[in-house]
Structure formats: C-alpha cells, structure tokens
Amino acid sequence: MLLMLPLATFAQDSTYVDNKFTYKLYPTKNMWTFLKLNTADGRIWQVQYDIDGNNRFETYLNFDLVFGSDVINGRFELYPTQNMYNFILLDKINGRMWQVQWSIEEKERLVLPIN
C-alpha cells in the first residue's frame, strides 16, 4: 500500500494546464503589436501601443471557443510561426488548433480552425 502512495501523489501534481492566470500577453515580431490571450476560453485581442499615443488600440480577433465548465485557466496557448503575422492557437486539453492572423487592416485579421 505504501508503494502506491508516491504514484498517487505524482498523478495529482501532474496537470496539463497552468491555472494561475487568465490572461497572457504575447509579443509579435512587430515592436508595437502584442496579442492578448484569455487562456481559459481562447479569446484573443490584438493590442498596439505607441509612444505618441495616436495609434494605441485593442481589438478582438475572435469570440469564446469554449463555454461553461470547459472554461479553464491555462487551457489555451499561442505559438509563433515563421510568418510574423501568424500564430497557432492550441487547446491543450483536446488538441484542437487554429491559425491566428493579426493585421493592422481589419479585413486581414482572422482565426481559422486547422482540421
């Protein structure tokens, strides 16, 4: 019985999500632009800052990807690609992925499922 105790303890400590924080900020290769991710529901915002203050904004790229009891801090993570405008969004619980594209031009912003 005592031999099985370490296995049970290890299983409790090994989680696949970091549930401490809801939001995470990701730099892009553009020094003025960041992506803000809600790690619990998958929502993403494009955030732009500027020294003069004339071009600061925050705009959403998508809506919630999960709802209700499926909303868990740390569930979603963004990964940069070689293309400065594109990231991959990963649902760390079920493995679903989305292509995320930010842009200064509204019509070029998108979040599309990768099947």
Protein backbone atom coordinates (compact mmCIF):
# COMPACT_ATOMS: atom_id res chain seq x y z
CA MET A 1 0.00 0.00 0.00
CA LEU A 2 2.81 2.43 0.82
CA LEU A 3 4.44 1.72 -2.54
CA MET A 4 1.38 3.04 -4.36
CA LEU A 5 1.26 6.31 -2.40
CA PRO A 6 4.07 8.01 -4.42
CA LEU A 7 2.24 7.17 -7.68
CA ALA A 8 -0.99 8.70 -6.43
CA THR A 9 0.83 11.83 -5.27
CA PHE A 10 2.61 12.21 -8.62
CA ALA A 11 -0.68 11.84 -10.52
CA GLN A 12 -2.24 14.67 -8.52
CA ASP A 13 0.67 17.03 -9.19
CA SER A 14 0.98 16.45 -12.93
CA THR A 15 -1.51 18.75 -14.65
CA TYR A 16 -1.59 19.76 -18.29
CA VAL A 17 -2.72 23.33 -17.66
CA ASP A 18 -1.35 26.22 -15.61
CA ASN A 19 -4.45 27.58 -13.93
CA LYS A 20 -2.92 30.51 -12.06
CA PHE A 21 -3.68 33.29 -14.54
CA THR A 22 -6.42 34.00 -17.07
CA TYR A 23 -4.58 36.38 -19.43
CA LYS A 24 -1.23 36.15 -21.16
CA LEU A 25 0.48 38.72 -23.41
CA TYR A 26 2.49 37.54 -26.45
CA PRO A 27 4.93 39.75 -28.36
CA THR A 28 4.88 39.69 -32.15
CA LYS A 29 7.83 40.49 -34.41
CA ASN A 30 6.32 43.97 -34.78
CA MET A 31 7.64 46.00 -31.86
CA TRP A 32 4.33 47.89 -31.48
CA THR A 33 1.97 44.89 -31.51
CA PHE A 34 1.12 42.22 -28.93
CA LEU A 35 -1.55 39.54 -28.75
CA LYS A 36 -3.53 39.20 -25.52
CA LEU A 37 -4.90 35.69 -24.91
CA ASN A 38 -7.60 34.65 -22.49
CA THR A 39 -6.06 31.28 -21.61
CA ALA A 40 -9.38 29.98 -20.26
CA ASP A 41 -11.75 30.48 -23.21
CA GLY A 42 -9.44 31.14 -26.20
CA ARG A 43 -10.39 34.76 -26.90
CA ILE A 44 -7.59 36.84 -28.48
CA TRP A 45 -7.13 40.59 -28.82
CA GLN A 46 -4.60 42.50 -30.90
CA VAL A 47 -3.00 45.21 -28.77
CA GLN A 48 -1.00 48.05 -30.25
CA TYR A 49 0.87 50.69 -28.29
CA ASP A 50 2.58 53.82 -29.49
CA ILE A 51 4.87 56.41 -27.94
CA ASP A 52 2.92 59.41 -29.25
CA GLY A 53 -0.45 57.96 -28.27
CA ASN A 54 -2.14 58.43 -31.65
CA ASN A 55 -2.20 54.75 -32.69
CA ARG A 56 -2.98 52.87 -29.48
CA PHE A 57 -5.78 50.33 -29.72
CA GLU A 58 -7.06 46.97 -28.59
CA THR A 59 -9.37 44.94 -30.84
CA TYR A 60 -10.69 41.41 -30.63
CA LEU A 61 -9.73 38.72 -33.15
CA ASN A 62 -12.30 36.09 -32.11
CA PHE A 63 -15.03 35.11 -29.67
CA ASP A 64 -15.06 32.41 -26.96
CA LEU A 65 -14.04 28.95 -28.16
CA VAL A 66 -15.33 27.08 -25.09
CA PHE A 67 -18.16 27.74 -22.62
CA GLY A 68 -19.41 26.81 -19.15
CA SER A 69 -17.46 24.16 -17.27
CA ASP A 70 -14.98 23.86 -20.19
CA VAL A 71 -13.57 27.33 -19.35
CA ILE A 72 -10.30 26.56 -17.51
CA ASN A 73 -7.38 28.92 -16.94
CA GLY A 74 -4.31 27.77 -18.86
CA ARG A 75 -6.29 25.75 -21.39
CA PHE A 76 -5.12 27.75 -24.45
CA GLU A 77 -1.60 28.69 -25.60
CA LEU A 78 -0.30 30.69 -28.59
CA TYR A 79 2.76 29.64 -30.57
CA PRO A 80 4.53 31.95 -33.05
CA THR A 81 5.26 30.82 -36.61
CA GLN A 82 7.95 31.96 -39.06
CA ASN A 83 5.38 34.36 -40.55
CA MET A 84 5.29 37.42 -38.28
CA TYR A 85 1.53 37.85 -38.72
CA ASN A 86 0.56 34.25 -37.88
CA PHE A 87 0.39 32.23 -34.68
CA ILE A 88 -1.00 28.80 -33.89
CA LEU A 89 -3.55 28.64 -31.05
CA LEU A 90 -3.56 25.26 -29.25
CA ASP A 91 -6.27 23.89 -26.98
CA LYS A 92 -4.05 21.94 -24.57
CA ILE A 93 -6.94 19.78 -23.37
CA ASN A 94 -8.29 18.34 -26.63
CA GLY A 95 -5.57 19.24 -29.15
CA ARG A 96 -7.69 21.45 -31.41
CA MET A 97 -5.73 24.17 -33.25
CA TRP A 98 -6.46 27.45 -35.02
CA GLN A 99 -4.47 29.70 -37.34
CA VAL A 100 -4.41 33.19 -35.86
CA GLN A 101 -3.53 36.12 -38.12
CA TRP A 102 -3.22 39.67 -36.81
CA SER A 103 -3.01 42.73 -39.02
CA ILE A 104 -3.31 46.50 -38.93
CA GLU A 105 -6.00 46.04 -41.61
CA GLU A 106 -9.25 44.77 -40.07
CA LYS A 107 -10.21 42.67 -43.12
CA GLU A 108 -6.93 40.70 -42.86
CA ARG A 109 -7.43 39.59 -39.23
CA LEU A 110 -8.63 36.02 -38.77
CA VAL A 111 -8.85 32.97 -36.56
CA LEU A 112 -9.48 29.79 -38.57
CA PRO A 113 -9.68 26.17 -37.36
CA ILE A 114 -6.92 23.83 -38.50
CA ASN A 115 -8.55 20.49 -39.33
